[in-house]
Each structure stands twice: as C-alpha cells, then as structure tokens.
C-alpha cells in the first residue's frame, strides 16, 4: 500500500505491505472509521472513538486472499438448438412464410 505523508507522518510516500482493512461504525453515533493495518504500522481514518461500542466489517484481509482457492464454475447446460419456444399455431401466418 502506498501511504501518503499525511498518513505515515513522514516527509515522503512510503510503500508498506497491507495486511487488513477494517471499517468500524458506531452503534449509537453516525461516526465511522477505517483502520489500515500494514506490516509497519496501523493507520486510522475517521472520527469514531474505537473504545466505544461499534460494529466492524473486514473489507480486505491478506490472509483471506492467500487462502482463497479459485474454482472453475460449472458451465450452464447448452440449449437444444431445436427447442420450440411457442406452438406454431400461435404465430402469425406472415411469420411462417
């Protein structure tokens, strides 16, 4: 993750290994916070006091990405090319000519 100087508190951009991104929402307030956990530090963006009651949702996890095993999905059955979708007597005569 590229961390800007305002986040990393240094005079330059830094490249850090991103471990997890978590979003927190207060139960009794409309405040939110997003926490970025990297290999070197933890950064919080938002006004929510994390000591208060909150809900959380992990948006990104390096461990989850590494443990993901992609699978090939089954292809849908091929339609029969000679399938009739409506009886012929319901079609107009001009469509049959």
PDB file of N, CA and C in Angstrom:
ATOM      1  N   UNK A   1       0.849  -1.159   0.000  1.00  0.00           N
ATOM      2  CA  UNK A   1       0.000   0.000   0.000  1.00  0.00           C
ATOM      3  C   UNK A   1       0.899   1.228   0.000  1.00  0.00           C
ATOM      4  N   UNK A   2       0.565   2.174  -0.844  1.00  0.00           N
ATOM      5  CA  UNK A   2       1.292   3.438  -0.856  1.00  0.00           C
ATOM      6  C   UNK A   2       0.672   4.352   0.195  1.00  0.00           C
ATOM      7  N   UNK A   3       1.448   4.721   1.195  1.00  0.00           N
ATOM      8  CA  UNK A   3       0.968   5.592   2.269  1.00  0.00           C
ATOM      9  C   UNK A   3       1.453   7.010   2.028  1.00  0.00           C
ATOM     10  N   UNK A   4       0.511   7.960   1.960  1.00  0.00           N
ATOM     11  CA  UNK A   4       0.921   9.354   1.756  1.00  0.00           C
ATOM     12  C   UNK A   4       1.576   9.914   3.011  1.00  0.00           C
ATOM     13  N   UNK A   5       2.311  11.008   2.882  1.00  0.00           N
ATOM     14  CA  UNK A   5       2.994  11.601   4.031  1.00  0.00           C
ATOM     15  C   UNK A   5       2.044  11.967   5.177  1.00  0.00           C
ATOM     16  N   UNK A   6       0.798  12.319   4.859  1.00  0.00           N
ATOM     17  CA  UNK A   6      -0.139  12.679   5.926  1.00  0.00           C
ATOM     18  C   UNK A   6      -0.498  11.473   6.789  1.00  0.00           C
ATOM     19  N   UNK A   7      -0.478  10.288   6.217  1.00  0.00           N
ATOM     20  CA  UNK A   7      -0.768   9.078   6.997  1.00  0.00           C
ATOM     21  C   UNK A   7       0.468   8.540   7.700  1.00  0.00           C
ATOM     22  N   UNK A   8       1.562   8.458   6.968  1.00  0.00           N
ATOM     23  CA  UNK A   8       2.770   7.845   7.521  1.00  0.00           C
ATOM     24  C   UNK A   8       3.553   8.785   8.441  1.00  0.00           C
ATOM     25  N   UNK A   9       3.126  10.046   8.505  1.00  0.00           N
ATOM     26  CA  UNK A   9       3.784  11.046   9.367  1.00  0.00           C
ATOM     27  C   UNK A   9       5.271  11.196   9.053  1.00  0.00           C
ATOM     28  N   UNK A  10       5.612  10.970   7.810  1.00  0.00           N
ATOM     29  CA  UNK A  10       6.988  11.209   7.377  1.00  0.00           C
ATOM     30  C   UNK A  10       6.936  12.224   6.248  1.00  0.00           C
ATOM     31  N   UNK A  11       8.046  12.643   5.783  1.00  0.00           N
ATOM     32  CA  UNK A  11       8.086  13.662   4.741  1.00  0.00           C
ATOM     33  C   UNK A  11       7.922  13.110   3.345  1.00  0.00           C
ATOM     34  N   UNK A  12       7.681  11.791   3.211  1.00  0.00           N
ATOM     35  CA  UNK A  12       7.603  11.209   1.878  1.00  0.00           C
ATOM     36  C   UNK A  12       6.601  10.053   1.845  1.00  0.00           C
ATOM     37  N   UNK A  13       6.268   9.651   0.655  1.00  0.00           N
ATOM     38  CA  UNK A  13       5.399   8.493   0.483  1.00  0.00           C
ATOM     39  C   UNK A  13       6.167   7.230   0.855  1.00  0.00           C
ATOM     40  N   UNK A  14       5.474   6.264   1.450  1.00  0.00           N
ATOM     41  CA  UNK A  14       6.126   5.004   1.799  1.00  0.00           C
ATOM     42  C   UNK A  14       5.313   3.841   1.250  1.00  0.00           C
ATOM     43  N   UNK A  15       5.999   2.776   0.898  1.00  0.00           N
ATOM     44  CA  UNK A  15       5.359   1.560   0.409  1.00  0.00           C
ATOM     45  C   UNK A  15       5.371   0.542   1.538  1.00  0.00           C
ATOM     46  N   UNK A  16       4.173   0.107   1.966  1.00  0.00           N
ATOM     47  CA  UNK A  16       4.060  -0.838   3.063  1.00  0.00           C
ATOM     48  C   UNK A  16       3.189  -2.012   2.643  1.00  0.00           C
ATOM     49  N   UNK A  17       3.445  -3.165   3.231  1.00  0.00           N
ATOM     50  CA  UNK A  17       2.692  -4.376   2.941  1.00  0.00           C
ATOM     51  C   UNK A  17       1.350  -4.314   3.677  1.00  0.00           C
ATOM     52  N   UNK A  18       0.245  -4.298   2.924  1.00  0.00           N
ATOM     53  CA  UNK A  18      -1.087  -4.185   3.514  1.00  0.00           C
ATOM     54  C   UNK A  18      -1.526  -5.540   4.070  1.00  0.00           C
ATOM     55  N   UNK A  19      -1.962  -5.561   5.318  1.00  0.00           N
ATOM     56  CA  UNK A  19      -2.404  -6.791   5.969  1.00  0.00           C
ATOM     57  C   UNK A  19      -3.922  -6.862   6.063  1.00  0.00           C
ATOM     58  N   UNK A  20      -4.560  -5.751   6.465  1.00  0.00           N
ATOM     59  CA  UNK A  20      -6.007  -5.788   6.647  1.00  0.00           C
ATOM     60  C   UNK A  20      -6.600  -4.381   6.605  1.00  0.00           C
ATOM     61  N   UNK A  21      -7.815  -4.285   6.063  1.00  0.00           N
ATOM     62  CA  UNK A  21      -8.595  -3.046   6.098  1.00  0.00           C
ATOM     63  C   UNK A  21      -9.908  -3.375   6.788  1.00  0.00           C
ATOM     64  N   UNK A  22     -10.225  -2.634   7.843  1.00  0.00           N
ATOM     65  CA  UNK A  22     -11.446  -2.861   8.607  1.00  0.00           C
ATOM     66  C   UNK A  22     -12.221  -1.556   8.723  1.00  0.00           C
ATOM     67  N   UNK A  23     -13.531  -1.627   8.527  1.00  0.00           N
ATOM     68  CA  UNK A  23     -14.409  -0.474   8.674  1.00  0.00           C
ATOM     69  C   UNK A  23     -15.191  -0.624   9.976  1.00  0.00           C
ATOM     70  N   UNK A  24     -15.216   0.419  10.776  1.00  0.00           N
ATOM     71  CA  UNK A  24     -15.941   0.426  12.042  1.00  0.00           C
ATOM     72  C   UNK A  24     -17.062   1.456  11.970  1.00  0.00           C
ATOM     73  N   UNK A  25     -18.240   1.108  12.525  1.00  0.00           N
ATOM     74  CA  UNK A  25     -19.365   2.031  12.605  1.00  0.00           C
ATOM     75  C   UNK A  25     -19.847   2.049  14.041  1.00  0.00           C
ATOM     76  N   UNK A  26     -20.083   3.237  14.573  1.00  0.00           N
ATOM     77  CA  UNK A  26     -20.577   3.365  15.940  1.00  0.00           C
ATOM     78  C   UNK A  26     -22.011   2.884  16.059  1.00  0.00           C
ATOM     79  N   UNK A  27     -22.334   2.239  17.172  1.00  0.00           N
ATOM     80  CA  UNK A  27     -23.698   1.761  17.385  1.00  0.00           C
ATOM     81  C   UNK A  27     -24.658   2.897  17.695  1.00  0.00           C
ATOM     82  N   UNK A  28     -24.216   3.869  18.463  1.00  0.00           N
ATOM     83  CA  UNK A  28     -25.099   4.943  18.914  1.00  0.00           C
ATOM     84  C   UNK A  28     -24.792   6.287  18.262  1.00  0.00           C
ATOM     85  N   UNK A  29     -23.827   6.314  17.374  1.00  0.00           N
ATOM     86  CA  UNK A  29     -23.480   7.549  16.670  1.00  0.00           C
ATOM     87  C   UNK A  29     -23.380   7.264  15.177  1.00  0.00           C
ATOM     88  N   UNK A  30     -23.314   8.311  14.388  1.00  0.00           N
ATOM     89  CA  UNK A  30     -23.136   8.156  12.945  1.00  0.00           C
ATOM     90  C   UNK A  30     -21.666   8.192  12.544  1.00  0.00           C
ATOM     91  N   UNK A  31     -20.786   8.118  13.518  1.00  0.00           N
ATOM     92  CA  UNK A  31     -19.357   8.201  13.227  1.00  0.00           C
ATOM     93  C   UNK A  31     -18.845   6.858  12.693  1.00  0.00           C
ATOM     94  N   UNK A  32     -17.851   6.960  11.820  1.00  0.00           N
ATOM     95  CA  UNK A  32     -17.213   5.778  11.256  1.00  0.00           C
ATOM     96  C   UNK A  32     -15.703   5.971  11.278  1.00  0.00           C
ATOM     97  N   UNK A  33     -15.004   4.864  11.102  1.00  0.00           N
ATOM     98  CA  UNK A  33     -13.550   4.899  10.995  1.00  0.00           C
ATOM     99  C   UNK A  33     -13.104   3.712  10.151  1.00  0.00           C
ATOM    100  N   UNK A  34     -12.051   3.914   9.397  1.00  0.00           N
ATOM    101  CA  UNK A  34     -11.443   2.843   8.618  1.00  0.00           C
ATOM    102  C   UNK A  34     -10.032   2.665   9.142  1.00  0.00           C
ATOM    103  N   UNK A  35      -9.673   1.429   9.472  1.00  0.00           N
ATOM    104  CA  UNK A  35      -8.356   1.133  10.019  1.00  0.00           C
ATOM    105  C   UNK A  35      -7.573   0.313   8.998  1.00  0.00           C
ATOM    106  N   UNK A  36      -6.408   0.823   8.645  1.00  0.00           N
ATOM    107  CA  UNK A  36      -5.494   0.148   7.728  1.00  0.00           C
ATOM    108  C   UNK A  36      -4.371  -0.447   8.559  1.00  0.00           C
ATOM    109  N   UNK A  37      -4.229  -1.764   8.536  1.00  0.00           N
ATOM    110  CA  UNK A  37      -3.148  -2.437   9.265  1.00  0.00           C
ATOM    111  C   UNK A  37      -2.102  -2.865   8.233  1.00  0.00           C
ATOM    112  N   UNK A  38      -0.887  -2.341   8.378  1.00  0.00           N
ATOM    113  CA  UNK A  38       0.193  -2.686   7.462  1.00  0.00           C
ATOM    114  C   UNK A  38       1.296  -3.398   8.241  1.00  0.00           C
ATOM    115  N   UNK A  39       2.319  -3.803   7.526  1.00  0.00           N
ATOM    116  CA  UNK A  39       3.427  -4.506   8.164  1.00  0.00           C
ATOM    117  C   UNK A  39       4.224  -3.596   9.099  1.00  0.00           C
ATOM    118  N   UNK A  40       4.122  -2.279   8.921  1.00  0.00           N
ATOM    119  CA  UNK A  40       4.921  -1.365   9.721  1.00  0.00           C
ATOM    120  C   UNK A  40       4.128  -0.574  10.753  1.00  0.00           C
ATOM    121  N   UNK A  41       2.815  -0.373  10.518  1.00  0.00           N
ATOM    122  CA  UNK A  41       2.056   0.479  11.429  1.00  0.00           C
ATOM    123  C   UNK A  41       0.563   0.242  11.237  1.00  0.00           C
ATOM    124  N   UNK A  42      -0.237   0.907  12.039  1.00  0.00           N
ATOM    125  CA  UNK A  42      -1.698   0.875  11.932  1.00  0.00           C
ATOM    126  C   UNK A  42      -2.165   2.313  11.758  1.00  0.00           C
ATOM    127  N   UNK A  43      -3.003   2.547  10.735  1.00  0.00           N
ATOM    128  CA  UNK A  43      -3.479   3.885  10.435  1.00  0.00           C
ATOM    129  C   UNK A  43      -4.997   3.910  10.571  1.00  0.00           C
ATOM    130  N   UNK A  44      -5.516   4.948  11.196  1.00  0.00           N
ATOM    131  CA  UNK A  44      -6.955   5.118  11.367  1.00  0.00           C
ATOM    132  C   UNK A  44      -7.383   6.404  10.697  1.00  0.00           C
ATOM    133  N   UNK A  45      -8.431   6.297   9.874  1.00  0.00           N
ATOM    134  CA  UNK A  45      -9.012   7.465   9.236  1.00  0.00           C
ATOM    135  C   UNK A  45     -10.467   7.524   9.676  1.00  0.00           C
ATOM    136  N   UNK A  46     -10.871   8.603  10.285  1.00  0.00           N
ATOM    137  CA  UNK A  46     -12.245   8.758  10.731  1.00  0.00           C
ATOM    138  C   UNK A  46     -12.310   9.265  12.157  1.00  0.00           C
ATOM    139  N   UNK A  47     -13.507   9.649  12.571  1.00  0.00           N
ATOM    140  CA  UNK A  47     -13.700  10.284  13.877  1.00  0.00           C
ATOM    141  C   UNK A  47     -14.162   9.332  14.978  1.00  0.00           C
ATOM    142  N   UNK A  48     -14.511   8.098  14.657  1.00  0.00           N
ATOM    143  CA  UNK A  48     -15.051   7.181  15.657  1.00  0.00           C
ATOM    144  C   UNK A  48     -14.008   6.831  16.714  1.00  0.00           C
ATOM    145  N   UNK A  49     -14.404   6.954  17.973  1.00  0.00           N
ATOM    146  CA  UNK A  49     -13.549   6.531  19.087  1.00  0.00           C
ATOM    147  C   UNK A  49     -13.671   5.012  19.194  1.00  0.00           C
ATOM    148  N   UNK A  50     -12.594   4.294  18.913  1.00  0.00           N
ATOM    149  CA  UNK A  50     -12.641   2.838  18.853  1.00  0.00           C
ATOM    150  C   UNK A  50     -12.830   2.183  20.214  1.00  0.00           C
ATOM    151  N   UNK A  51     -12.825   2.959  21.284  1.00  0.00           N
ATOM    152  CA  UNK A  51     -13.090   2.404  22.614  1.00  0.00           C
ATOM    153  C   UNK A  51     -14.582   2.267  22.872  1.00  0.00           C
ATOM    154  N   UNK A  52     -15.411   2.925  22.053  1.00  0.00           N
ATOM    155  CA  UNK A  52     -16.864   2.873  22.223  1.00  0.00           C
ATOM    156  C   UNK A  52     -17.442   1.658  21.496  1.00  0.00           C
ATOM    157  N   UNK A  53     -18.725   1.359  21.778  1.00  0.00           N
ATOM    158  CA  UNK A  53     -19.382   0.224  21.129  1.00  0.00           C
ATOM    159  C   UNK A  53     -19.491   0.485  19.634  1.00  0.00           C
ATOM    160  N   UNK A  54     -19.210  -0.555  18.878  1.00  0.00           N
ATOM    161  CA  UNK A  54     -19.152  -0.402  17.430  1.00  0.00           C
ATOM    162  C   UNK A  54     -19.393  -1.731  16.742  1.00  0.00           C
ATOM    163  N   UNK A  55     -19.662  -1.662  15.467  1.00  0.00           N
ATOM    164  CA  UNK A  55     -19.691  -2.852  14.620  1.00  0.00           C
ATOM    165  C   UNK A  55     -18.503  -2.746  13.675  1.00  0.00           C
ATOM    166  N   UNK A  56     -18.057  -3.872  13.184  1.00  0.00           N
ATOM    167  CA  UNK A  56     -16.907  -3.848  12.273  1.00  0.00           C
ATOM    168  C   UNK A  56     -17.141  -4.795  11.112  1.00  0.00           C
ATOM    169  N   UNK A  57     -16.491  -4.466  10.028  1.00  0.00           N
ATOM    170  CA  UNK A  57     -16.547  -5.308   8.839  1.00  0.00           C
ATOM    171  C   UNK A  57     -15.178  -5.276   8.176  1.00  0.00           C
ATOM    172  N   UNK A  58     -14.619  -6.454   7.919  1.00  0.00           N
ATOM    173  CA  UNK A  58     -13.313  -6.543   7.268  1.00  0.00           C
ATOM    174  C   UNK A  58     -13.525  -6.409   5.764  1.00  0.00           C
ATOM    175  N   UNK A  59     -12.940  -5.370   5.195  1.00  0.00           N
ATOM    176  CA  UNK A  59     -13.054  -5.146   3.760  1.00  0.00           C
ATOM    177  C   UNK A  59     -11.986  -5.901   2.992  1.00  0.00           C
ATOM    178  N   UNK A  60     -10.809  -6.033   3.562  1.00  0.00           N
ATOM    179  CA  UNK A  60      -9.700  -6.722   2.900  1.00  0.00           C
ATOM    180  C   UNK A  60      -8.876  -7.432   3.947  1.00  0.00           C
ATOM    181  N   UNK A  61      -8.454  -8.636   3.646  1.00  0.00           N
ATOM    182  CA  UNK A  61      -7.570  -9.382   4.527  1.00  0.00           C
ATOM    183  C   UNK A  61      -6.559 -10.140   3.680  1.00  0.00           C
ATOM    184  N   UNK A  62      -5.297  -9.904   3.933  1.00  0.00           N
ATOM    185  CA  UNK A  62      -4.238 -10.580   3.186  1.00  0.00           C
ATOM    186  C   UNK A  62      -4.334 -12.089   3.384  1.00  0.00           C
ATOM    187  N   UNK A  63      -4.654 -12.510   4.595  1.00  0.00           N
ATOM    188  CA  UNK A  63      -4.769 -13.940   4.889  1.00  0.00           C
ATOM    189  C   UNK A  63      -5.902 -14.578   4.077  1.00  0.00           C
ATOM    190  N   UNK A  64      -7.035 -13.850   3.965  1.00  0.00           N
ATOM    191  CA  UNK A  64      -8.165 -14.366   3.206  1.00  0.00           C
ATOM    192  C   UNK A  64      -7.814 -14.497   1.723  1.00  0.00           C
ATOM    193  N   UNK A  65      -7.080 -13.535   1.199  1.00  0.00           N
ATOM    194  CA  UNK A  65      -6.675 -13.592  -0.207  1.00  0.00           C
ATOM    195  C   UNK A  65      -5.705 -14.748  -0.432  1.00  0.00           C
ATOM    196  N   UNK A  66      -4.768 -14.942   0.479  1.00  0.00           N
ATOM    197  CA  UNK A  66      -3.801 -16.027   0.332  1.00  0.00           C
ATOM    198  C   UNK A  66      -4.453 -17.400   0.461  1.00  0.00           C
ATOM    199  N   UNK A  67      -5.496 -17.525   1.276  1.00  0.00           N
ATOM    200  CA  UNK A  67      -6.165 -18.805   1.473  1.00  0.00           C
ATOM    201  C   UNK A  67      -7.236 -19.098   0.431  1.00  0.00           C
ATOM    202  N   UNK A  68      -7.536 -18.128  -0.418  1.00  0.00           N
ATOM    203  CA  UNK A  68      -8.573 -18.316  -1.434  1.00  0.00           C
ATOM    204  C   UNK A  68      -8.104 -19.314  -2.489  1.00  0.00           C
ATOM    205  N   UNK A  69      -8.954 -20.294  -2.769  1.00  0.00           N
ATOM    206  CA  UNK A  69      -8.668 -21.279  -3.807  1.00  0.00           C
ATOM    207  C   UNK A  69      -9.703 -21.120  -4.914  1.00  0.00           C
ATOM    208  N   UNK A  70      -9.293 -20.529  -6.041  1.00  0.00           N
ATOM    209  CA  UNK A  70     -10.261 -20.324  -7.121  1.00  0.00           C
ATOM    210  C   UNK A  70     -10.731 -21.661  -7.688  1.00  0.00           C
ATOM    211  N   UNK A  71     -12.008 -21.712  -8.056  1.00  0.00           N
ATOM    212  CA  UNK A  71     -12.585 -22.907  -8.660  1.00  0.00           C
ATOM    213  C   UNK A  71     -13.214 -22.523  -9.979  1.00  0.00           C
ATOM    214  N   UNK A  72     -13.200 -23.449 -10.889  1.00  0.00           N
ATOM    215  CA  UNK A  72     -13.858 -23.235 -12.172  1.00  0.00           C
ATOM    216  C   UNK A  72     -15.325 -23.585 -11.979  1.00  0.00           C
ATOM    217  N   UNK A  73     -16.186 -22.652 -12.299  1.00  0.00           N
ATOM    218  CA  UNK A  73     -17.612 -22.912 -12.147  1.00  0.00           C
ATOM    219  C   UNK A  73     -18.094 -23.808 -13.268  1.00  0.00           C
ATOM    220  N   UNK A  74     -19.159 -24.549 -12.979  1.00  0.00           N
ATOM    221  CA  UNK A  74     -19.733 -25.432 -13.988  1.00  0.00           C
ATOM    222  C   UNK A  74     -20.433 -24.580 -15.032  1.00  0.00           C
ATOM    223  N   UNK A  75     -20.233 -24.937 -16.279  1.00  0.00           N
ATOM    224  CA  UNK A  75     -20.872 -24.176 -17.343  1.00  0.00           C
ATOM    225  C   UNK A  75     -22.340 -24.578 -17.414  1.00  0.00           C
ATOM    226  N   UNK A  76     -23.194 -23.641 -17.759  1.00  0.00           N
ATOM    227  CA  UNK A  76     -24.617 -23.969 -17.857  1.00  0.00           C
ATOM    228  C   UNK A  76     -24.853 -24.950 -19.000  1.00  0.00           C
ATOM    229  N   UNK A  77     -25.889 -25.765 -18.906  1.00  0.00           N
ATOM    230  CA  UNK A  77     -26.145 -26.716 -19.994  1.00  0.00           C
ATOM    231  C   UNK A  77     -26.439 -25.981 -21.294  1.00  0.00           C
ATOM    232  N   UNK A  78     -25.941 -26.536 -22.380  1.00  0.00           N
ATOM    233  CA  UNK A  78     -26.151 -25.905 -23.682  1.00  0.00           C
ATOM    234  C   UNK A  78     -27.598 -26.137 -24.111  1.00  0.00           C
ATOM    235  N   UNK A  79     -28.260 -25.095 -24.593  1.00  0.00           N
ATOM    236  CA  UNK A  79     -29.646 -25.265 -25.012  1.00  0.00           C
ATOM    237  C   UNK A  79     -29.745 -26.117 -26.281  1.00  0.00           C
ATOM    238  N   UNK A  80     -30.813 -26.863 -26.381  1.00  0.00           N
ATOM    239  CA  UNK A  80     -31.069 -27.672 -27.561  1.00  0.00           C
ATOM    240  C   UNK A  80     -31.400 -26.727 -28.714  1.00  0.00           C
ATOM    241  N   UNK A  81     -30.695 -26.796 -29.832  1.00  0.00           N
ATOM    242  CA  UNK A  81     -30.949 -25.838 -30.915  1.00  0.00           C
ATOM    243  C   UNK A  81     -32.321 -26.023 -31.564  1.00  0.00           C
ATOM    244  N   UNK A  82     -32.966 -27.167 -31.341  1.00  0.00           N
ATOM    245  CA  UNK A  82     -34.245 -27.437 -31.985  1.00  0.00           C
ATOM    246  C   UNK A  82     -35.408 -27.297 -31.010  1.00  0.00           C
ATOM    247  N   UNK A  83     -35.239 -26.561 -29.970  1.00  0.00           N
ATOM    248  CA  UNK A  83     -36.297 -26.378 -28.977  1.00  0.00           C
ATOM    249  C   UNK A  83     -37.337 -25.385 -29.503  1.00  0.00           C
ATOM    250  N   UNK A  84     -38.588 -25.727 -29.303  1.00  0.00           N
ATOM    251  CA  UNK A  84     -39.665 -24.857 -29.737  1.00  0.00           C
ATOM    252  C   UNK A  84     -40.114 -24.022 -28.539  1.00  0.00           C
ATOM    253  N   UNK A  85     -40.142 -22.719 -28.688  1.00  0.00           N
ATOM    254  CA  UNK A  85     -40.488 -21.826 -27.600  1.00  0.00           C
ATOM    255  C   UNK A  85     -41.980 -21.509 -27.533  1.00  0.00           C
ATOM    256  N   UNK A  86     -42.693 -21.669 -28.645  1.00  0.00           N
ATOM    257  CA  UNK A  86     -44.133 -21.419 -28.671  1.00  0.00           C
ATOM    258  C   UNK A  86     -44.738 -22.314 -29.748  1.00  0.00           C
ATOM    259  N   UNK A  87     -45.963 -22.708 -29.553  1.00  0.00           N
ATOM    260  CA  UNK A  87     -46.587 -23.542 -30.584  1.00  0.00           C
ATOM    261  C   UNK A  87     -46.756 -22.752 -31.877  1.00  0.00           C
ATOM    262  N   UNK A  88     -46.650 -23.456 -32.989  1.00  0.00           N
ATOM    263  CA  UNK A  88     -46.711 -22.796 -34.296  1.00  0.00           C
ATOM    264  C   UNK A  88     -48.064 -22.163 -34.563  1.00  0.00           C
ATOM    265  N   UNK A  89     -49.138 -22.732 -34.046  1.00  0.00           N
ATOM    266  CA  UNK A  89     -50.460 -22.167 -34.333  1.00  0.00           C
ATOM    267  C   UNK A  89     -50.650 -20.792 -33.710  1.00  0.00           C
ATOM    268  N   UNK A  90     -49.808 -20.394 -32.756  1.00  0.00           N
ATOM    269  CA  UNK A  90     -49.943 -19.076 -32.153  1.00  0.00           C
ATOM    270  C   UNK A  90     -49.211 -17.998 -32.954  1.00  0.00           C
ATOM    271  N   UNK A  91     -48.328 -18.405 -33.859  1.00  0.00           N
ATOM    272  CA  UNK A  91     -47.596 -17.427 -34.655  1.00  0.00           C
ATOM    273  C   UNK A  91     -48.452 -16.964 -35.823  1.00  0.00           C
ATOM    274  N   UNK A  92     -48.207 -15.761 -36.277  1.00  0.00           N
ATOM    275  CA  UNK A  92     -48.985 -15.226 -37.404  1.00  0.00           C
ATOM    276  C   UNK A  92     -48.560 -15.921 -38.667  1.00  0.00           C
ATOM    277  N   UNK A  93     -49.434 -15.922 -39.636  1.00  0.00           N
ATOM    278  CA  UNK A  93     -49.152 -16.601 -40.893  1.00  0.00           C
ATOM    279  C   UNK A  93     -47.999 -15.940 -41.638  1.00  0.00           C
ATOM    280  N   UNK A  94     -47.831 -14.629 -41.503  1.00  0.00           N
ATOM    281  CA  UNK A  94     -46.760 -13.940 -42.225  1.00  0.00           C
ATOM    282  C   UNK A  94     -45.388 -14.337 -41.677  1.00  0.00           C
ATOM    283  N   UNK A  95     -45.320 -14.729 -40.406  1.00  0.00           N
ATOM    284  CA  UNK A  95     -44.035 -15.148 -39.837  1.00  0.00           C
ATOM    285  C   UNK A  95     -43.637 -16.521 -40.314  1.00  0.00           C
ATOM    286  N   UNK A  96     -44.615 -17.339 -40.748  1.00  0.00           N
ATOM    287  CA  UNK A  96     -44.330 -18.700 -41.184  1.00  0.00           C
ATOM    288  C   UNK A  96     -43.908 -18.763 -42.636  1.00  0.00           C
ATOM    289  N   UNK A  97     -44.155 -17.713 -43.426  1.00  0.00           N
ATOM    290  CA  UNK A  97     -43.829 -17.722 -44.863  1.00  0.00           C
ATOM    291  C   UNK A  97     -42.417 -17.361 -45.120  1.00  0.00           C
TER     292      UNK A  97
END
